[in-house]
Amino acid sequence: MLAQTEDDTIFLIALGVVLLFAVYQLVFSPDGVRVAENKESQAEETDFERRLFQKLDHTNDLLVSTRNSLLILIILVVILASLYLIFR
């Protein structure tokens, strides 16, 4: 056998890799796509375009906060699973 039934080293290593990846994504990934505001064209901007850009910004903020929440949930689950495997 390559591993004993009580040996959880590979699971701890896999959980550590997932933890590192989730922390990296949470800390170093950009906060979504931002629409560049062109200062010259603001006078020509219609009400529809202004509302569309506001809705896109709100949608982007929602997606970023959802991604961050999921990454934090993954980090908590990995930490709890690691602690369970270590201290059982």
PDB file of N, CA and C in Angstrom:
ATOM      1  N   MET A   1       0.835  -1.187   0.000  1.00  0.00           N
ATOM      2  CA  MET A   1       0.000   0.000   0.000  1.00  0.00           C
ATOM      3  C   MET A   1       0.879   1.250   0.000  1.00  0.00           C
ATOM      4  N   LEU A   2       0.431   2.245  -0.713  1.00  0.00           N
ATOM      5  CA  LEU A   2       1.183   3.493  -0.750  1.00  0.00           C
ATOM      6  C   LEU A   2       0.945   4.343   0.480  1.00  0.00           C
ATOM      7  N   ALA A   3      -0.235   4.269   1.046  1.00  0.00           N
ATOM      8  CA  ALA A   3      -0.545   5.076   2.226  1.00  0.00           C
ATOM      9  C   ALA A   3      -1.355   4.240   3.208  1.00  0.00           C
ATOM     10  N   GLN A   4      -1.127   4.469   4.454  1.00  0.00           N
ATOM     11  CA  GLN A   4      -1.887   3.794   5.487  1.00  0.00           C
ATOM     12  C   GLN A   4      -3.274   4.439   5.596  1.00  0.00           C
ATOM     13  N   THR A   5      -4.207   3.744   6.177  1.00  0.00           N
ATOM     14  CA  THR A   5      -5.563   4.286   6.294  1.00  0.00           C
ATOM     15  C   THR A   5      -5.617   5.474   7.248  1.00  0.00           C
ATOM     16  N   GLU A   6      -4.669   5.561   8.176  1.00  0.00           N
ATOM     17  CA  GLU A   6      -4.642   6.665   9.126  1.00  0.00           C
ATOM     18  C   GLU A   6      -3.782   7.831   8.655  1.00  0.00           C
ATOM     19  N   ASP A   7      -3.153   7.697   7.514  1.00  0.00           N
ATOM     20  CA  ASP A   7      -2.245   8.726   7.022  1.00  0.00           C
ATOM     21  C   ASP A   7      -3.032   9.751   6.205  1.00  0.00           C
ATOM     22  N   ASP A   8      -3.147  10.963   6.726  1.00  0.00           N
ATOM     23  CA  ASP A   8      -3.900  12.022   6.062  1.00  0.00           C
ATOM     24  C   ASP A   8      -3.001  13.099   5.477  1.00  0.00           C
ATOM     25  N   THR A   9      -1.748  12.773   5.260  1.00  0.00           N
ATOM     26  CA  THR A   9      -0.791  13.765   4.782  1.00  0.00           C
ATOM     27  C   THR A   9      -1.181  14.319   3.426  1.00  0.00           C
ATOM     28  N   ILE A  10      -1.590  13.446   2.518  1.00  0.00           N
ATOM     29  CA  ILE A  10      -1.945  13.910   1.173  1.00  0.00           C
ATOM     30  C   ILE A  10      -3.170  14.820   1.215  1.00  0.00           C
ATOM     31  N   PHE A  11      -4.109  14.534   2.089  1.00  0.00           N
ATOM     32  CA  PHE A  11      -5.289  15.383   2.212  1.00  0.00           C
ATOM     33  C   PHE A  11      -4.930  16.750   2.784  1.00  0.00           C
ATOM     34  N   LEU A  12      -4.020  16.759   3.752  1.00  0.00           N
ATOM     35  CA  LEU A  12      -3.570  18.028   4.319  1.00  0.00           C
ATOM     36  C   LEU A  12      -2.816  18.853   3.285  1.00  0.00           C
ATOM     37  N   ILE A  13      -1.998  18.193   2.460  1.00  0.00           N
ATOM     38  CA  ILE A  13      -1.284  18.910   1.403  1.00  0.00           C
ATOM     39  C   ILE A  13      -2.263  19.482   0.392  1.00  0.00           C
ATOM     40  N   ALA A  14      -3.261  18.690  -0.005  1.00  0.00           N
ATOM     41  CA  ALA A  14      -4.267  19.177  -0.962  1.00  0.00           C
ATOM     42  C   ALA A  14      -5.066  20.336  -0.375  1.00  0.00           C
ATOM     43  N   LEU A  15      -5.431  20.243   0.886  1.00  0.00           N
ATOM     44  CA  LEU A  15      -6.155  21.338   1.527  1.00  0.00           C
ATOM     45  C   LEU A  15      -5.284  22.582   1.622  1.00  0.00           C
ATOM     46  N   GLY A  16      -3.985  22.393   1.878  1.00  0.00           N
ATOM     47  CA  GLY A  16      -3.069  23.534   1.909  1.00  0.00           C
ATOM     48  C   GLY A  16      -2.956  24.210   0.559  1.00  0.00           C
ATOM     49  N   VAL A  17      -2.922  23.427  -0.505  1.00  0.00           N
ATOM     50  CA  VAL A  17      -2.852  24.001  -1.855  1.00  0.00           C
ATOM     51  C   VAL A  17      -4.127  24.777  -2.168  1.00  0.00           C
ATOM     52  N   VAL A  18      -5.271  24.212  -1.824  1.00  0.00           N
ATOM     53  CA  VAL A  18      -6.544  24.922  -2.043  1.00  0.00           C
ATOM     54  C   VAL A  18      -6.580  26.204  -1.233  1.00  0.00           C
ATOM     55  N   LEU A  19      -6.092  26.152  -0.005  1.00  0.00           N
ATOM     56  CA  LEU A  19      -6.059  27.333   0.843  1.00  0.00           C
ATOM     57  C   LEU A  19      -5.161  28.416   0.245  1.00  0.00           C
ATOM     58  N   LEU A  20      -3.985  28.033  -0.213  1.00  0.00           N
ATOM     59  CA  LEU A  20      -3.082  29.008  -0.830  1.00  0.00           C
ATOM     60  C   LEU A  20      -3.693  29.620  -2.087  1.00  0.00           C
ATOM     61  N   PHE A  21      -4.334  28.800  -2.908  1.00  0.00           N
ATOM     62  CA  PHE A  21      -4.957  29.315  -4.123  1.00  0.00           C
ATOM     63  C   PHE A  21      -6.084  30.293  -3.806  1.00  0.00           C
ATOM     64  N   ALA A  22      -6.921  29.957  -2.825  1.00  0.00           N
ATOM     65  CA  ALA A  22      -8.038  30.831  -2.472  1.00  0.00           C
ATOM     66  C   ALA A  22      -7.537  32.157  -1.901  1.00  0.00           C
ATOM     67  N   VAL A  23      -6.512  32.104  -1.060  1.00  0.00           N
ATOM     68  CA  VAL A  23      -5.958  33.339  -0.509  1.00  0.00           C
ATOM     69  C   VAL A  23      -5.319  34.173  -1.611  1.00  0.00           C
ATOM     70  N   TYR A  24      -4.616  33.523  -2.542  1.00  0.00           N
ATOM     71  CA  TYR A  24      -4.011  34.248  -3.666  1.00  0.00           C
ATOM     72  C   TYR A  24      -5.087  34.937  -4.504  1.00  0.00           C
ATOM     73  N   GLN A  25      -6.163  34.235  -4.820  1.00  0.00           N
ATOM     74  CA  GLN A  25      -7.237  34.829  -5.608  1.00  0.00           C
ATOM     75  C   GLN A  25      -7.896  35.983  -4.862  1.00  0.00           C
ATOM     76  N   LEU A  26      -8.037  35.848  -3.565  1.00  0.00           N
ATOM     77  CA  LEU A  26      -8.686  36.886  -2.777  1.00  0.00           C
ATOM     78  C   LEU A  26      -7.828  38.133  -2.675  1.00  0.00           C
ATOM     79  N   VAL A  27      -6.524  37.957  -2.555  1.00  0.00           N
ATOM     80  CA  VAL A  27      -5.638  39.095  -2.318  1.00  0.00           C
ATOM     81  C   VAL A  27      -5.141  39.732  -3.606  1.00  0.00           C
ATOM     82  N   PHE A  28      -4.737  38.920  -4.576  1.00  0.00           N
ATOM     83  CA  PHE A  28      -4.020  39.459  -5.723  1.00  0.00           C
ATOM     84  C   PHE A  28      -4.842  39.607  -7.003  1.00  0.00           C
ATOM     85  N   SER A  29      -6.054  39.094  -7.059  1.00  0.00           N
ATOM     86  CA  SER A  29      -6.820  39.216  -8.297  1.00  0.00           C
ATOM     87  C   SER A  29      -7.476  40.597  -8.368  1.00  0.00           C
ATOM     88  N   PRO A  30      -7.634  41.123  -9.576  1.00  0.00           N
ATOM     89  CA  PRO A  30      -8.243  42.449  -9.716  1.00  0.00           C
ATOM     90  C   PRO A  30      -9.715  42.419  -9.340  1.00  0.00           C
ATOM     91  N   ASP A  31     -10.242  43.571  -9.029  1.00  0.00           N
ATOM     92  CA  ASP A  31     -11.640  43.677  -8.607  1.00  0.00           C
ATOM     93  C   ASP A  31     -12.569  43.852  -9.792  1.00  0.00           C
ATOM     94  N   GLY A  32     -12.521  42.949 -10.724  1.00  0.00           N
ATOM     95  CA  GLY A  32     -13.450  42.962 -11.838  1.00  0.00           C
ATOM     96  C   GLY A  32     -13.053  43.950 -12.913  1.00  0.00           C
ATOM     97  N   VAL A  33     -13.952  44.134 -13.839  1.00  0.00           N
ATOM     98  CA  VAL A  33     -13.707  45.006 -14.986  1.00  0.00           C
ATOM     99  C   VAL A  33     -14.389  46.340 -14.726  1.00  0.00           C
ATOM    100  N   ARG A  34     -13.651  47.388 -14.880  1.00  0.00           N
ATOM    101  CA  ARG A  34     -14.217  48.725 -14.712  1.00  0.00           C
ATOM    102  C   ARG A  34     -14.338  49.394 -16.068  1.00  0.00           C
ATOM    103  N   VAL A  35     -15.432  50.072 -16.257  1.00  0.00           N
ATOM    104  CA  VAL A  35     -15.645  50.818 -17.492  1.00  0.00           C
ATOM    105  C   VAL A  35     -14.910  52.138 -17.360  1.00  0.00           C
ATOM    106  N   ALA A  36     -14.026  52.405 -18.302  1.00  0.00           N
ATOM    107  CA  ALA A  36     -13.249  53.639 -18.253  1.00  0.00           C
ATOM    108  C   ALA A  36     -14.147  54.824 -18.590  1.00  0.00           C
ATOM    109  N   GLU A  37     -14.068  55.815 -17.745  1.00  0.00           N
ATOM    110  CA  GLU A  37     -14.846  57.021 -17.985  1.00  0.00           C
ATOM    111  C   GLU A  37     -14.035  57.982 -18.838  1.00  0.00           C
ATOM    112  N   ASN A  38     -14.635  58.411 -19.900  1.00  0.00           N
ATOM    113  CA  ASN A  38     -13.978  59.352 -20.790  1.00  0.00           C
ATOM    114  C   ASN A  38     -14.474  60.752 -20.432  1.00  0.00           C
ATOM    115  N   LYS A  39     -13.586  61.596 -19.958  1.00  0.00           N
ATOM    116  CA  LYS A  39     -13.973  62.929 -19.486  1.00  0.00           C
ATOM    117  C   LYS A  39     -14.474  63.818 -20.626  1.00  0.00           C
ATOM    118  N   GLU A  40     -13.970  63.604 -21.829  1.00  0.00           N
ATOM    119  CA  GLU A  40     -14.361  64.452 -22.954  1.00  0.00           C
ATOM    120  C   GLU A  40     -15.782  64.171 -23.414  1.00  0.00           C
ATOM    121  N   SER A  41     -16.234  62.936 -23.266  1.00  0.00           N
ATOM    122  CA  SER A  41     -17.543  62.588 -23.814  1.00  0.00           C
ATOM    123  C   SER A  41     -18.665  62.687 -22.794  1.00  0.00           C
ATOM    124  N   GLN A  42     -18.404  63.204 -21.600  1.00  0.00           N
ATOM    125  CA  GLN A  42     -19.466  63.291 -20.600  1.00  0.00           C
ATOM    126  C   GLN A  42     -20.549  64.270 -21.016  1.00  0.00           C
ATOM    127  N   ALA A  43     -20.198  65.299 -21.740  1.00  0.00           N
ATOM    128  CA  ALA A  43     -21.205  66.250 -22.191  1.00  0.00           C
ATOM    129  C   ALA A  43     -22.120  65.609 -23.227  1.00  0.00           C
ATOM    130  N   GLU A  44     -21.600  64.666 -23.993  1.00  0.00           N
ATOM    131  CA  GLU A  44     -22.379  63.998 -25.026  1.00  0.00           C
ATOM    132  C   GLU A  44     -23.104  62.771 -24.501  1.00  0.00           C
ATOM    133  N   GLU A  45     -22.857  62.378 -23.270  1.00  0.00           N
ATOM    134  CA  GLU A  45     -23.430  61.168 -22.698  1.00  0.00           C
ATOM    135  C   GLU A  45     -24.932  61.328 -22.489  1.00  0.00           C
ATOM    136  N   THR A  46     -25.678  60.367 -22.975  1.00  0.00           N
ATOM    137  CA  THR A  46     -27.127  60.413 -22.812  1.00  0.00           C
ATOM    138  C   THR A  46     -27.509  59.835 -21.452  1.00  0.00           C
ATOM    139  N   ASP A  47     -28.762  60.037 -21.102  1.00  0.00           N
ATOM    140  CA  ASP A  47     -29.256  59.510 -19.831  1.00  0.00           C
ATOM    141  C   ASP A  47     -29.224  57.982 -19.839  1.00  0.00           C
ATOM    142  N   PHE A  48     -29.534  57.393 -20.973  1.00  0.00           N
ATOM    143  CA  PHE A  48     -29.502  55.940 -21.088  1.00  0.00           C
ATOM    144  C   PHE A  48     -28.094  55.391 -20.845  1.00  0.00           C
ATOM    145  N   GLU A  49     -27.098  56.015 -21.450  1.00  0.00           N
ATOM    146  CA  GLU A  49     -25.719  55.561 -21.268  1.00  0.00           C
ATOM    147  C   GLU A  49     -25.268  55.707 -19.823  1.00  0.00           C
ATOM    148  N   ARG A  50     -25.656  56.796 -19.197  1.00  0.00           N
ATOM    149  CA  ARG A  50     -25.280  57.019 -17.808  1.00  0.00           C
ATOM    150  C   ARG A  50     -25.884  55.946 -16.904  1.00  0.00           C
ATOM    151  N   ARG A  51     -27.167  55.653 -17.115  1.00  0.00           N
ATOM    152  CA  ARG A  51     -27.831  54.616 -16.310  1.00  0.00           C
ATOM    153  C   ARG A  51     -27.243  53.231 -16.592  1.00  0.00           C
ATOM    154  N   LEU A  52     -26.905  52.994 -17.869  1.00  0.00           N
ATOM    155  CA  LEU A  52     -26.310  51.711 -18.232  1.00  0.00           C
ATOM    156  C   LEU A  52     -24.964  51.521 -17.539  1.00  0.00           C
ATOM    157  N   PHE A  53     -24.122  52.552 -17.525  1.00  0.00           N
ATOM    158  CA  PHE A  53     -22.831  52.460 -16.845  1.00  0.00           C
ATOM    159  C   PHE A  53     -23.003  52.275 -15.342  1.00  0.00           C
ATOM    160  N   GLN A  54     -23.998  52.925 -14.758  1.00  0.00           N
ATOM    161  CA  GLN A  54     -24.250  52.744 -13.324  1.00  0.00           C
ATOM    162  C   GLN A  54     -24.676  51.312 -13.028  1.00  0.00           C
ATOM    163  N   LYS A  55     -25.545  50.750 -13.873  1.00  0.00           N
ATOM    164  CA  LYS A  55     -25.996  49.370 -13.661  1.00  0.00           C
ATOM    165  C   LYS A  55     -24.851  48.385 -13.861  1.00  0.00           C
ATOM    166  N   LEU A  56     -23.982  48.656 -14.833  1.00  0.00           N
ATOM    167  CA  LEU A  56     -22.825  47.790 -15.028  1.00  0.00           C
ATOM    168  C   LEU A  56     -21.893  47.841 -13.822  1.00  0.00           C
ATOM    169  N   ASP A  57     -21.700  49.007 -13.260  1.00  0.00           N
ATOM    170  CA  ASP A  57     -20.857  49.132 -12.071  1.00  0.00           C
ATOM    171  C   ASP A  57     -21.463  48.397 -10.880  1.00  0.00           C
ATOM    172  N   HIS A  58     -22.776  48.521 -10.710  1.00  0.00           N
ATOM    173  CA  HIS A  58     -23.440  47.821  -9.606  1.00  0.00           C
ATOM    174  C   HIS A  58     -23.362  46.305  -9.796  1.00  0.00           C
ATOM    175  N   THR A  59     -23.543  45.843 -11.028  1.00  0.00           N
ATOM    176  CA  THR A  59     -23.449  44.413 -11.314  1.00  0.00           C
ATOM    177  C   THR A  59     -22.041  43.907 -11.057  1.00  0.00           C
ATOM    178  N   ASN A  60     -21.061  44.681 -11.473  1.00  0.00           N
ATOM    179  CA  ASN A  60     -19.667  44.304 -11.236  1.00  0.00           C
ATOM    180  C   ASN A  60     -19.376  44.231  -9.745  1.00  0.00           C
ATOM    181  N   ASP A  61     -19.864  45.193  -8.985  1.00  0.00           N
ATOM    182  CA  ASP A  61     -19.654  45.168  -7.530  1.00  0.00           C
ATOM    183  C   ASP A  61     -20.296  43.942  -6.903  1.00  0.00           C
ATOM    184  N   LEU A  62     -21.487  43.570  -7.377  1.00  0.00           N
ATOM    185  CA  LEU A  62     -22.171  42.393  -6.859  1.00  0.00           C
ATOM    186  C   LEU A  62     -21.380  41.125  -7.166  1.00  0.00           C
ATOM    187  N   LEU A  63     -20.864  41.010  -8.385  1.00  0.00           N
ATOM    188  CA  LEU A  63     -20.080  39.836  -8.754  1.00  0.00           C
ATOM    189  C   LEU A  63     -18.785  39.744  -7.952  1.00  0.00           C
ATOM    190  N   VAL A  64     -18.133  40.867  -7.741  1.00  0.00           N
ATOM    191  CA  VAL A  64     -16.888  40.868  -6.957  1.00  0.00           C
ATOM    192  C   VAL A  64     -17.165  40.487  -5.516  1.00  0.00           C
ATOM    193  N   SER A  65     -18.222  41.010  -4.931  1.00  0.00           N
ATOM    194  CA  SER A  65     -18.520  40.666  -3.539  1.00  0.00           C
ATOM    195  C   SER A  65     -18.944  39.205  -3.409  1.00  0.00           C
ATOM    196  N   THR A  66     -19.652  38.667  -4.403  1.00  0.00           N
ATOM    197  CA  THR A  66     -20.016  37.252  -4.388  1.00  0.00           C
ATOM    198  C   THR A  66     -18.774  36.374  -4.488  1.00  0.00           C
ATOM    199  N   ARG A  67     -17.848  36.738  -5.385  1.00  0.00           N
ATOM    200  CA  ARG A  67     -16.605  35.981  -5.515  1.00  0.00           C
ATOM    201  C   ARG A  67     -15.813  36.014  -4.218  1.00  0.00           C
ATOM    202  N   ASN A  68     -15.702  37.179  -3.606  1.00  0.00           N
ATOM    203  CA  ASN A  68     -14.953  37.294  -2.358  1.00  0.00           C
ATOM    204  C   ASN A  68     -15.607  36.485  -1.245  1.00  0.00           C
ATOM    205  N   SER A  69     -16.927  36.487  -1.189  1.00  0.00           N
ATOM    206  CA  SER A  69     -17.624  35.710  -0.166  1.00  0.00           C
ATOM    207  C   SER A  69     -17.398  34.214  -0.356  1.00  0.00           C
ATOM    208  N   LEU A  70     -17.439  33.759  -1.603  1.00  0.00           N
ATOM    209  CA  LEU A  70     -17.197  32.341  -1.867  1.00  0.00           C
ATOM    210  C   LEU A  70     -15.762  31.944  -1.519  1.00  0.00           C
ATOM    211  N   LEU A  71     -14.811  32.811  -1.820  1.00  0.00           N
ATOM    212  CA  LEU A  71     -13.424  32.506  -1.474  1.00  0.00           C
ATOM    213  C   LEU A  71     -13.226  32.449   0.036  1.00  0.00           C
ATOM    214  N   ILE A  72     -13.868  33.346   0.754  1.00  0.00           N
ATOM    215  CA  ILE A  72     -13.770  33.311   2.215  1.00  0.00           C
ATOM    216  C   ILE A  72     -14.423  32.043   2.764  1.00  0.00           C
ATOM    217  N   LEU A  73     -15.541  31.620   2.175  1.00  0.00           N
ATOM    218  CA  LEU A  73     -16.191  30.376   2.589  1.00  0.00           C
ATOM    219  C   LEU A  73     -15.282  29.179   2.323  1.00  0.00           C
ATOM    220  N   ILE A  74     -14.621  29.158   1.167  1.00  0.00           N
ATOM    221  CA  ILE A  74     -13.686  28.073   0.856  1.00  0.00           C
ATOM    222  C   ILE A  74     -12.545  28.046   1.868  1.00  0.00           C
ATOM    223  N   ILE A  75     -12.028  29.215   2.207  1.00  0.00           N
ATOM    224  CA  ILE A  75     -10.937  29.284   3.183  1.00  0.00           C
ATOM    225  C   ILE A  75     -11.382  28.746   4.538  1.00  0.00           C
ATOM    226  N   LEU A  76     -12.573  29.110   4.976  1.00  0.00           N
ATOM    227  CA  LEU A  76     -13.065  28.617   6.262  1.00  0.00           C
ATOM    228  C   LEU A  76     -13.273  27.103   6.248  1.00  0.00           C
ATOM    229  N   VAL A  77     -13.828  26.575   5.169  1.00  0.00           N
ATOM    230  CA  VAL A  77     -14.051  25.128   5.085  1.00  0.00           C
ATOM    231  C   VAL A  77     -12.720  24.388   5.083  1.00  0.00           C
ATOM    232  N   VAL A  78     -11.739  24.902   4.360  1.00  0.00           N
ATOM    233  CA  VAL A  78     -10.424  24.255   4.312  1.00  0.00           C
ATOM    234  C   VAL A  78      -9.751  24.290   5.676  1.00  0.00           C
ATOM    235  N   ILE A  79      -9.841  25.407   6.358  1.00  0.00           N
ATOM    236  CA  ILE A  79      -9.230  25.503   7.688  1.00  0.00           C
ATOM    237  C   ILE A  79      -9.913  24.549   8.667  1.00  0.00           C
ATOM    238  N   LEU A  80     -11.241  24.495   8.631  1.00  0.00           N
ATOM    239  CA  LEU A  80     -11.952  23.581   9.526  1.00  0.00           C
ATOM    240  C   LEU A  80     -11.633  22.123   9.213  1.00  0.00           C
ATOM    241  N   ALA A  81     -11.567  21.771   7.929  1.00  0.00           N
ATOM    242  CA  ALA A  81     -11.232  20.391   7.558  1.00  0.00           C
ATOM    243  C   ALA A  81      -9.801  20.054   7.969  1.00  0.00           C
ATOM    244  N   SER A  82      -8.891  20.992   7.790  1.00  0.00           N
ATOM    245  CA  SER A  82      -7.509  20.749   8.200  1.00  0.00           C
ATOM    246  C   SER A  82      -7.399  20.564   9.709  1.00  0.00           C
ATOM    247  N   LEU A  83      -8.070  21.407  10.462  1.00  0.00           N
ATOM    248  CA  LEU A  83      -8.031  21.273  11.916  1.00  0.00           C
ATOM    249  C   LEU A  83      -8.648  19.948  12.370  1.00  0.00           C
ATOM    250  N   TYR A  84      -9.717  19.536  11.689  1.00  0.00           N
ATOM    251  CA  TYR A  84     -10.325  18.253  12.036  1.00  0.00           C
ATOM    252  C   TYR A  84      -9.361  17.110  11.772  1.00  0.00           C
ATOM    253  N   LEU A  85      -8.680  17.145  10.612  1.00  0.00           N
ATOM    254  CA  LEU A  85      -7.738  16.068  10.287  1.00  0.00           C
ATOM    255  C   LEU A  85      -6.531  16.054  11.207  1.00  0.00           C
ATOM    256  N   ILE A  86      -6.109  17.222  11.666  1.00  0.00           N
ATOM    257  CA  ILE A  86      -4.937  17.288  12.537  1.00  0.00           C
ATOM    258  C   ILE A  86      -5.268  16.850  13.960  1.00  0.00           C
ATOM    259  N   PHE A  87      -6.387  17.297  14.490  1.00  0.00           N
ATOM    260  CA  PHE A  87      -6.677  17.083  15.911  1.00  0.00           C
ATOM    261  C   PHE A  87      -7.664  15.977  16.212  1.00  0.00           C
ATOM    262  N   ARG A  88      -7.969  15.113  15.288  1.00  0.00           N
ATOM    263  CA  ARG A  88      -8.915  14.040  15.609  1.00  0.00           C
ATOM    264  C   ARG A  88      -8.266  12.892  16.300  1.00  0.00           C
TER     265      ARG A  88
END
